[in-house]
Amino acid sequence: MVTYITRIILSAEVDPKDSPAAARRGAMLKLLVSRGFVINRRKNRIVAESGSMEAQAVKRYLLEHGFRADEFQVYLEYTRQWGML
């Protein structure tokens, strides 16, 4: 059996004077949470993780909602569990 984890990475370093960027990041996180993503803060980045939404689907979803591809990074990690493949 193969499962996957999709990670969306956002920079946590935003200039406090740049409130539009912070608002966009907040809106993106809200959308991701609504699709079942779990949000974690790690050092200088914010990581949203899901095992139910594939990487290309979430990228399309964010682009359709007006976000630019340079505002986030998408990672897809496959995990093979014991059993037949």
PDB file of N, CA and C in Angstrom:
ATOM      1  N   MET A   1       0.846  -1.177   0.000  1.00  0.00           N
ATOM      2  CA  MET A   1       0.000   0.000   0.000  1.00  0.00           C
ATOM      3  C   MET A   1       0.892   1.241   0.000  1.00  0.00           C
ATOM      4  N   VAL A   2       0.518   2.218  -0.796  1.00  0.00           N
ATOM      5  CA  VAL A   2       1.271   3.468  -0.881  1.00  0.00           C
ATOM      6  C   VAL A   2       0.361   4.615  -0.456  1.00  0.00           C
ATOM      7  N   THR A   3       0.872   5.435   0.437  1.00  0.00           N
ATOM      8  CA  THR A   3       0.146   6.636   0.848  1.00  0.00           C
ATOM      9  C   THR A   3       1.016   7.840   0.524  1.00  0.00           C
ATOM     10  N   TYR A   4       0.464   9.009   0.643  1.00  0.00           N
ATOM     11  CA  TYR A   4       1.246  10.207   0.357  1.00  0.00           C
ATOM     12  C   TYR A   4       0.904  11.311   1.345  1.00  0.00           C
ATOM     13  N   ILE A   5       1.841  12.237   1.460  1.00  0.00           N
ATOM     14  CA  ILE A   5       1.638  13.452   2.245  1.00  0.00           C
ATOM     15  C   ILE A   5       1.947  14.621   1.325  1.00  0.00           C
ATOM     16  N   THR A   6       1.019  15.536   1.225  1.00  0.00           N
ATOM     17  CA  THR A   6       1.229  16.754   0.456  1.00  0.00           C
ATOM     18  C   THR A   6       1.554  17.867   1.437  1.00  0.00           C
ATOM     19  N   ARG A   7       2.648  18.574   1.160  1.00  0.00           N
ATOM     20  CA  ARG A   7       3.048  19.697   2.015  1.00  0.00           C
ATOM     21  C   ARG A   7       3.054  20.986   1.209  1.00  0.00           C
ATOM     22  N   ILE A   8       2.467  22.010   1.784  1.00  0.00           N
ATOM     23  CA  ILE A   8       2.521  23.359   1.228  1.00  0.00           C
ATOM     24  C   ILE A   8       3.382  24.170   2.186  1.00  0.00           C
ATOM     25  N   ILE A   9       4.440  24.770   1.659  1.00  0.00           N
ATOM     26  CA  ILE A   9       5.381  25.531   2.482  1.00  0.00           C
ATOM     27  C   ILE A   9       5.226  27.018   2.166  1.00  0.00           C
ATOM     28  N   LEU A  10       5.083  27.810   3.224  1.00  0.00           N
ATOM     29  CA  LEU A  10       5.008  29.267   3.099  1.00  0.00           C
ATOM     30  C   LEU A  10       6.091  29.878   3.971  1.00  0.00           C
ATOM     31  N   SER A  11       6.643  30.981   3.540  1.00  0.00           N
ATOM     32  CA  SER A  11       7.616  31.690   4.362  1.00  0.00           C
ATOM     33  C   SER A  11       6.900  32.335   5.538  1.00  0.00           C
ATOM     34  N   ALA A  12       7.487  32.207   6.720  1.00  0.00           N
ATOM     35  CA  ALA A  12       6.906  32.844   7.911  1.00  0.00           C
ATOM     36  C   ALA A  12       7.508  34.222   8.132  1.00  0.00           C
ATOM     37  N   GLU A  13       8.486  34.569   7.308  1.00  0.00           N
ATOM     38  CA  GLU A  13       9.153  35.858   7.443  1.00  0.00           C
ATOM     39  C   GLU A  13       8.459  36.891   6.565  1.00  0.00           C
ATOM     40  N   VAL A  14       7.617  37.678   7.170  1.00  0.00           N
ATOM     41  CA  VAL A  14       6.911  38.738   6.453  1.00  0.00           C
ATOM     42  C   VAL A  14       7.170  40.039   7.183  1.00  0.00           C
ATOM     43  N   ASP A  15       7.492  41.064   6.434  1.00  0.00           N
ATOM     44  CA  ASP A  15       7.701  42.389   7.014  1.00  0.00           C
ATOM     45  C   ASP A  15       6.397  42.843   7.668  1.00  0.00           C
ATOM     46  N   PRO A  16       6.431  43.220   8.950  1.00  0.00           N
ATOM     47  CA  PRO A  16       5.203  43.653   9.636  1.00  0.00           C
ATOM     48  C   PRO A  16       4.499  44.812   8.931  1.00  0.00           C
ATOM     49  N   LYS A  17       5.252  45.593   8.172  1.00  0.00           N
ATOM     50  CA  LYS A  17       4.659  46.715   7.439  1.00  0.00           C
ATOM     51  C   LYS A  17       3.920  46.246   6.191  1.00  0.00           C
ATOM     52  N   ASP A  18       4.160  44.992   5.794  1.00  0.00           N
ATOM     53  CA  ASP A  18       3.540  44.449   4.581  1.00  0.00           C
ATOM     54  C   ASP A  18       2.279  43.670   4.952  1.00  0.00           C
ATOM     55  N   SER A  19       1.264  44.391   5.400  1.00  0.00           N
ATOM     56  CA  SER A  19       0.034  43.728   5.837  1.00  0.00           C
ATOM     57  C   SER A  19      -0.724  43.034   4.706  1.00  0.00           C
ATOM     58  N   PRO A  20      -0.663  43.511   3.440  1.00  0.00           N
ATOM     59  CA  PRO A  20      -1.343  42.745   2.379  1.00  0.00           C
ATOM     60  C   PRO A  20      -0.768  41.334   2.219  1.00  0.00           C
ATOM     61  N   ALA A  21       0.552  41.194   2.337  1.00  0.00           N
ATOM     62  CA  ALA A  21       1.167  39.863   2.216  1.00  0.00           C
ATOM     63  C   ALA A  21       0.734  38.969   3.371  1.00  0.00           C
ATOM     64  N   ALA A  22       0.688  39.521   4.566  1.00  0.00           N
ATOM     65  CA  ALA A  22       0.248  38.745   5.730  1.00  0.00           C
ATOM     66  C   ALA A  22      -1.219  38.345   5.587  1.00  0.00           C
ATOM     67  N   ALA A  23      -2.028  39.237   5.054  1.00  0.00           N
ATOM     68  CA  ALA A  23      -3.450  38.935   4.851  1.00  0.00           C
ATOM     69  C   ALA A  23      -3.627  37.837   3.805  1.00  0.00           C
ATOM     70  N   ARG A  24      -2.828  37.879   2.731  1.00  0.00           N
ATOM     71  CA  ARG A  24      -2.909  36.839   1.693  1.00  0.00           C
ATOM     72  C   ARG A  24      -2.493  35.486   2.261  1.00  0.00           C
ATOM     73  N   ARG A  25      -1.439  35.497   3.057  1.00  0.00           N
ATOM     74  CA  ARG A  25      -0.980  34.247   3.665  1.00  0.00           C
ATOM     75  C   ARG A  25      -2.054  33.689   4.592  1.00  0.00           C
ATOM     76  N   GLY A  26      -2.682  34.554   5.365  1.00  0.00           N
ATOM     77  CA  GLY A  26      -3.764  34.116   6.250  1.00  0.00           C
ATOM     78  C   GLY A  26      -4.935  33.543   5.475  1.00  0.00           C
ATOM     79  N   ALA A  27      -5.279  34.182   4.355  1.00  0.00           N
ATOM     80  CA  ALA A  27      -6.375  33.691   3.513  1.00  0.00           C
ATOM     81  C   ALA A  27      -6.032  32.328   2.917  1.00  0.00           C
ATOM     82  N   MET A  28      -4.780  32.150   2.513  1.00  0.00           N
ATOM     83  CA  MET A  28      -4.361  30.870   1.953  1.00  0.00           C
ATOM     84  C   MET A  28      -4.442  29.771   3.014  1.00  0.00           C
ATOM     85  N   LEU A  29      -3.991  30.067   4.222  1.00  0.00           N
ATOM     86  CA  LEU A  29      -4.050  29.076   5.298  1.00  0.00           C
ATOM     87  C   LEU A  29      -5.491  28.707   5.630  1.00  0.00           C
ATOM     88  N   LYS A  30      -6.366  29.689   5.595  1.00  0.00           N
ATOM     89  CA  LYS A  30      -7.791  29.436   5.854  1.00  0.00           C
ATOM     90  C   LYS A  30      -8.366  28.473   4.804  1.00  0.00           C
ATOM     91  N   LEU A  31      -8.018  28.694   3.534  1.00  0.00           N
ATOM     92  CA  LEU A  31      -8.473  27.800   2.463  1.00  0.00           C
ATOM     93  C   LEU A  31      -7.932  26.383   2.666  1.00  0.00           C
ATOM     94  N   LEU A  32      -6.657  26.293   3.027  1.00  0.00           N
ATOM     95  CA  LEU A  32      -6.051  24.973   3.218  1.00  0.00           C
ATOM     96  C   LEU A  32      -6.686  24.228   4.387  1.00  0.00           C
ATOM     97  N   VAL A  33      -6.948  24.923   5.475  1.00  0.00           N
ATOM     98  CA  VAL A  33      -7.608  24.296   6.632  1.00  0.00           C
ATOM     99  C   VAL A  33      -8.999  23.804   6.240  1.00  0.00           C
ATOM    100  N   SER A  34      -9.692  24.571   5.404  1.00  0.00           N
ATOM    101  CA  SER A  34     -11.037  24.157   4.971  1.00  0.00           C
ATOM    102  C   SER A  34     -11.002  22.879   4.133  1.00  0.00           C
ATOM    103  N   ARG A  35      -9.833  22.565   3.556  1.00  0.00           N
ATOM    104  CA  ARG A  35      -9.676  21.335   2.773  1.00  0.00           C
ATOM    105  C   ARG A  35      -9.006  20.221   3.572  1.00  0.00           C
ATOM    106  N   GLY A  36      -8.898  20.401   4.895  1.00  0.00           N
ATOM    107  CA  GLY A  36      -8.389  19.340   5.752  1.00  0.00           C
ATOM    108  C   GLY A  36      -6.899  19.373   6.043  1.00  0.00           C
ATOM    109  N   PHE A  37      -6.215  20.425   5.670  1.00  0.00           N
ATOM    110  CA  PHE A  37      -4.784  20.528   5.953  1.00  0.00           C
ATOM    111  C   PHE A  37      -4.562  20.854   7.426  1.00  0.00           C
ATOM    112  N   VAL A  38      -3.466  20.339   7.958  1.00  0.00           N
ATOM    113  CA  VAL A  38      -3.039  20.631   9.324  1.00  0.00           C
ATOM    114  C   VAL A  38      -1.874  21.613   9.213  1.00  0.00           C
ATOM    115  N   ILE A  39      -1.938  22.703   9.969  1.00  0.00           N
ATOM    116  CA  ILE A  39      -0.942  23.772   9.882  1.00  0.00           C
ATOM    117  C   ILE A  39       0.034  23.671  11.051  1.00  0.00           C
ATOM    118  N   ASN A  40       1.326  23.764  10.740  1.00  0.00           N
ATOM    119  CA  ASN A  40       2.384  23.767  11.756  1.00  0.00           C
ATOM    120  C   ASN A  40       3.380  24.867  11.430  1.00  0.00           C
ATOM    121  N   ARG A  41       3.939  25.467  12.462  1.00  0.00           N
ATOM    122  CA  ARG A  41       4.991  26.466  12.261  1.00  0.00           C
ATOM    123  C   ARG A  41       6.323  25.805  12.587  1.00  0.00           C
ATOM    124  N   ARG A  42       7.266  25.941  11.684  1.00  0.00           N
ATOM    125  CA  ARG A  42       8.604  25.372  11.867  1.00  0.00           C
ATOM    126  C   ARG A  42       9.639  26.442  11.531  1.00  0.00           C
ATOM    127  N   LYS A  43      10.376  26.867  12.527  1.00  0.00           N
ATOM    128  CA  LYS A  43      11.403  27.899  12.386  1.00  0.00           C
ATOM    129  C   LYS A  43      10.889  29.089  11.583  1.00  0.00           C
ATOM    130  N   ASN A  44      11.401  29.275  10.361  1.00  0.00           N
ATOM    131  CA  ASN A  44      11.023  30.446   9.572  1.00  0.00           C
ATOM    132  C   ASN A  44      10.041  30.115   8.447  1.00  0.00           C
ATOM    133  N   ARG A  45       9.250  29.068   8.649  1.00  0.00           N
ATOM    134  CA  ARG A  45       8.270  28.697   7.621  1.00  0.00           C
ATOM    135  C   ARG A  45       7.011  28.132   8.251  1.00  0.00           C
ATOM    136  N   ILE A  46       5.970  28.144   7.460  1.00  0.00           N
ATOM    137  CA  ILE A  46       4.693  27.558   7.863  1.00  0.00           C
ATOM    138  C   ILE A  46       4.456  26.372   6.939  1.00  0.00           C
ATOM    139  N   VAL A  47       4.106  25.231   7.526  1.00  0.00           N
ATOM    140  CA  VAL A  47       3.914  24.004   6.759  1.00  0.00           C
ATOM    141  C   VAL A  47       2.472  23.540   6.926  1.00  0.00           C
ATOM    142  N   ALA A  48       1.796  23.343   5.802  1.00  0.00           N
ATOM    143  CA  ALA A  48       0.438  22.794   5.788  1.00  0.00           C
ATOM    144  C   ALA A  48       0.533  21.380   5.213  1.00  0.00           C
ATOM    145  N   GLU A  49       0.009  20.385   5.931  1.00  0.00           N
ATOM    146  CA  GLU A  49       0.130  18.988   5.511  1.00  0.00           C
ATOM    147  C   GLU A  49      -1.234  18.324   5.371  1.00  0.00           C
ATOM    148  N   SER A  50      -1.323  17.450   4.358  1.00  0.00           N
ATOM    149  CA  SER A  50      -2.554  16.698   4.131  1.00  0.00           C
ATOM    150  C   SER A  50      -2.218  15.343   3.528  1.00  0.00           C
ATOM    151  N   GLY A  51      -2.979  14.347   3.896  1.00  0.00           N
ATOM    152  CA  GLY A  51      -2.855  13.029   3.290  1.00  0.00           C
ATOM    153  C   GLY A  51      -4.043  12.716   2.404  1.00  0.00           C
ATOM    154  N   SER A  52      -4.868  13.733   2.141  1.00  0.00           N
ATOM    155  CA  SER A  52      -6.080  13.486   1.357  1.00  0.00           C
ATOM    156  C   SER A  52      -6.181  14.323   0.086  1.00  0.00           C
ATOM    157  N   MET A  53      -5.277  15.266  -0.117  1.00  0.00           N
ATOM    158  CA  MET A  53      -5.339  16.097  -1.323  1.00  0.00           C
ATOM    159  C   MET A  53      -3.995  16.025  -2.034  1.00  0.00           C
ATOM    160  N   GLU A  54      -3.997  15.573  -3.273  1.00  0.00           N
ATOM    161  CA  GLU A  54      -2.786  15.382  -4.051  1.00  0.00           C
ATOM    162  C   GLU A  54      -2.168  16.728  -4.428  1.00  0.00           C
ATOM    163  N   ALA A  55      -0.869  16.743  -4.647  1.00  0.00           N
ATOM    164  CA  ALA A  55      -0.110  17.978  -4.875  1.00  0.00           C
ATOM    165  C   ALA A  55      -0.639  18.813  -6.039  1.00  0.00           C
ATOM    166  N   GLN A  56      -0.871  18.203  -7.187  1.00  0.00           N
ATOM    167  CA  GLN A  56      -1.351  18.978  -8.340  1.00  0.00           C
ATOM    168  C   GLN A  56      -2.744  19.542  -8.092  1.00  0.00           C
ATOM    169  N   ALA A  57      -3.566  18.793  -7.381  1.00  0.00           N
ATOM    170  CA  ALA A  57      -4.923  19.270  -7.080  1.00  0.00           C
ATOM    171  C   ALA A  57      -4.886  20.490  -6.172  1.00  0.00           C
ATOM    172  N   VAL A  58      -4.025  20.465  -5.152  1.00  0.00           N
ATOM    173  CA  VAL A  58      -3.961  21.613  -4.242  1.00  0.00           C
ATOM    174  C   VAL A  58      -3.330  22.816  -4.938  1.00  0.00           C
ATOM    175  N   LYS A  59      -2.362  22.578  -5.811  1.00  0.00           N
ATOM    176  CA  LYS A  59      -1.765  23.690  -6.564  1.00  0.00           C
ATOM    177  C   LYS A  59      -2.822  24.356  -7.437  1.00  0.00           C
ATOM    178  N   ARG A  60      -3.595  23.553  -8.167  1.00  0.00           N
ATOM    179  CA  ARG A  60      -4.688  24.089  -8.997  1.00  0.00           C
ATOM    180  C   ARG A  60      -5.691  24.857  -8.149  1.00  0.00           C
ATOM    181  N   TYR A  61      -6.038  24.291  -6.996  1.00  0.00           N
ATOM    182  CA  TYR A  61      -7.002  24.900  -6.079  1.00  0.00           C
ATOM    183  C   TYR A  61      -6.537  26.290  -5.645  1.00  0.00           C
ATOM    184  N   LEU A  62      -5.276  26.402  -5.244  1.00  0.00           N
ATOM    185  CA  LEU A  62      -4.756  27.697  -4.801  1.00  0.00           C
ATOM    186  C   LEU A  62      -4.670  28.693  -5.955  1.00  0.00           C
ATOM    187  N   LEU A  63      -4.243  28.243  -7.125  1.00  0.00           N
ATOM    188  CA  LEU A  63      -4.167  29.134  -8.288  1.00  0.00           C
ATOM    189  C   LEU A  63      -5.556  29.619  -8.698  1.00  0.00           C
ATOM    190  N   GLU A  64      -6.541  28.731  -8.641  1.00  0.00           N
ATOM    191  CA  GLU A  64      -7.920  29.111  -8.972  1.00  0.00           C
ATOM    192  C   GLU A  64      -8.483  30.138  -7.996  1.00  0.00           C
ATOM    193  N   HIS A  65      -7.948  30.165  -6.778  1.00  0.00           N
ATOM    194  CA  HIS A  65      -8.408  31.127  -5.773  1.00  0.00           C
ATOM    195  C   HIS A  65      -7.560  32.397  -5.751  1.00  0.00           C
ATOM    196  N   GLY A  66      -6.782  32.616  -6.804  1.00  0.00           N
ATOM    197  CA  GLY A  66      -6.079  33.881  -6.978  1.00  0.00           C
ATOM    198  C   GLY A  66      -4.684  33.976  -6.393  1.00  0.00           C
ATOM    199  N   PHE A  67      -4.133  32.874  -5.909  1.00  0.00           N
ATOM    200  CA  PHE A  67      -2.773  32.912  -5.381  1.00  0.00           C
ATOM    201  C   PHE A  67      -1.780  32.650  -6.504  1.00  0.00           C
ATOM    202  N   ARG A  68      -0.597  33.222  -6.381  1.00  0.00           N
ATOM    203  CA  ARG A  68       0.455  33.048  -7.381  1.00  0.00           C
ATOM    204  C   ARG A  68       1.331  31.856  -7.002  1.00  0.00           C
ATOM    205  N   ALA A  69       1.892  31.200  -8.003  1.00  0.00           N
ATOM    206  CA  ALA A  69       2.743  30.031  -7.762  1.00  0.00           C
ATOM    207  C   ALA A  69       3.993  30.383  -6.965  1.00  0.00           C
ATOM    208  N   ASP A  70       4.425  31.641  -7.004  1.00  0.00           N
ATOM    209  CA  ASP A  70       5.629  32.026  -6.254  1.00  0.00           C
ATOM    210  C   ASP A  70       5.338  32.334  -4.781  1.00  0.00           C
ATOM    211  N   GLU A  71       4.089  32.204  -4.354  1.00  0.00           N
ATOM    212  CA  GLU A  71       3.727  32.456  -2.958  1.00  0.00           C
ATOM    213  C   GLU A  71       3.814  31.199  -2.090  1.00  0.00           C
ATOM    214  N   PHE A  72       3.989  30.044  -2.709  1.00  0.00           N
ATOM    215  CA  PHE A  72       4.022  28.791  -1.954  1.00  0.00           C
ATOM    216  C   PHE A  72       4.859  27.755  -2.690  1.00  0.00           C
ATOM    217  N   GLN A  73       5.288  26.744  -1.956  1.00  0.00           N
ATOM    218  CA  GLN A  73       6.001  25.605  -2.530  1.00  0.00           C
ATOM    219  C   GLN A  73       5.187  24.355  -2.230  1.00  0.00           C
ATOM    220  N   VAL A  74       5.134  23.454  -3.194  1.00  0.00           N
ATOM    221  CA  VAL A  74       4.373  22.215  -3.031  1.00  0.00           C
ATOM    222  C   VAL A  74       5.344  21.036  -3.024  1.00  0.00           C
ATOM    223  N   TYR A  75       5.207  20.169  -2.028  1.00  0.00           N
ATOM    224  CA  TYR A  75       6.004  18.951  -1.940  1.00  0.00           C
ATOM    225  C   TYR A  75       5.057  17.770  -1.812  1.00  0.00           C
ATOM    226  N   LEU A  76       5.403  16.683  -2.489  1.00  0.00           N
ATOM    227  CA  LEU A  76       4.618  15.454  -2.400  1.00  0.00           C
ATOM    228  C   LEU A  76       5.559  14.335  -1.981  1.00  0.00           C
ATOM    229  N   GLU A  77       5.223  13.668  -0.899  1.00  0.00           N
ATOM    230  CA  GLU A  77       6.057  12.587  -0.377  1.00  0.00           C
ATOM    231  C   GLU A  77       5.235  11.305  -0.356  1.00  0.00           C
ATOM    232  N   TYR A  78       5.750  10.283  -1.049  1.00  0.00           N
ATOM    233  CA  TYR A  78       5.087   8.980  -1.049  1.00  0.00           C
ATOM    234  C   TYR A  78       5.697   8.107   0.033  1.00  0.00           C
ATOM    235  N   THR A  79       4.863   7.310   0.677  1.00  0.00           N
ATOM    236  CA  THR A  79       5.311   6.388   1.709  1.00  0.00           C
ATOM    237  C   THR A  79       4.785   5.003   1.370  1.00  0.00           C
ATOM    238  N   ARG A  80       5.664   4.032   1.287  1.00  0.00           N
ATOM    239  CA  ARG A  80       5.227   2.660   1.041  1.00  0.00           C
ATOM    240  C   ARG A  80       5.078   1.955   2.375  1.00  0.00           C
ATOM    241  N   GLN A  81       3.921   1.410   2.596  1.00  0.00           N
ATOM    242  CA  GLN A  81       3.678   0.656   3.820  1.00  0.00           C
ATOM    243  C   GLN A  81       3.854  -0.825   3.515  1.00  0.00           C
ATOM    244  N   TRP A  82       3.939  -1.627   4.548  1.00  0.00           N
ATOM    245  CA  TRP A  82       4.113  -3.062   4.355  1.00  0.00           C
ATOM    246  C   TRP A  82       2.920  -3.649   3.612  1.00  0.00           C
ATOM    247  N   GLY A  83       3.219  -4.617   2.793  1.00  0.00           N
ATOM    248  CA  GLY A  83       2.170  -5.286   2.049  1.00  0.00           C
ATOM    249  C   GLY A  83       2.520  -5.349   0.576  1.00  0.00           C
ATOM    250  N   MET A  84       1.565  -5.737  -0.217  1.00  0.00           N
ATOM    251  CA  MET A  84       1.786  -5.880  -1.654  1.00  0.00           C
ATOM    252  C   MET A  84       1.677  -4.532  -2.335  1.00  0.00           C
ATOM    253  N   LEU A  85       2.491  -4.340  -3.334  1.00  0.00           N
ATOM    254  CA  LEU A  85       2.459  -3.101  -4.110  1.00  0.00           C
ATOM    255  C   LEU A  85       1.941  -3.373  -5.495  1.00  0.00           C
TER     256      LEU A  85
END
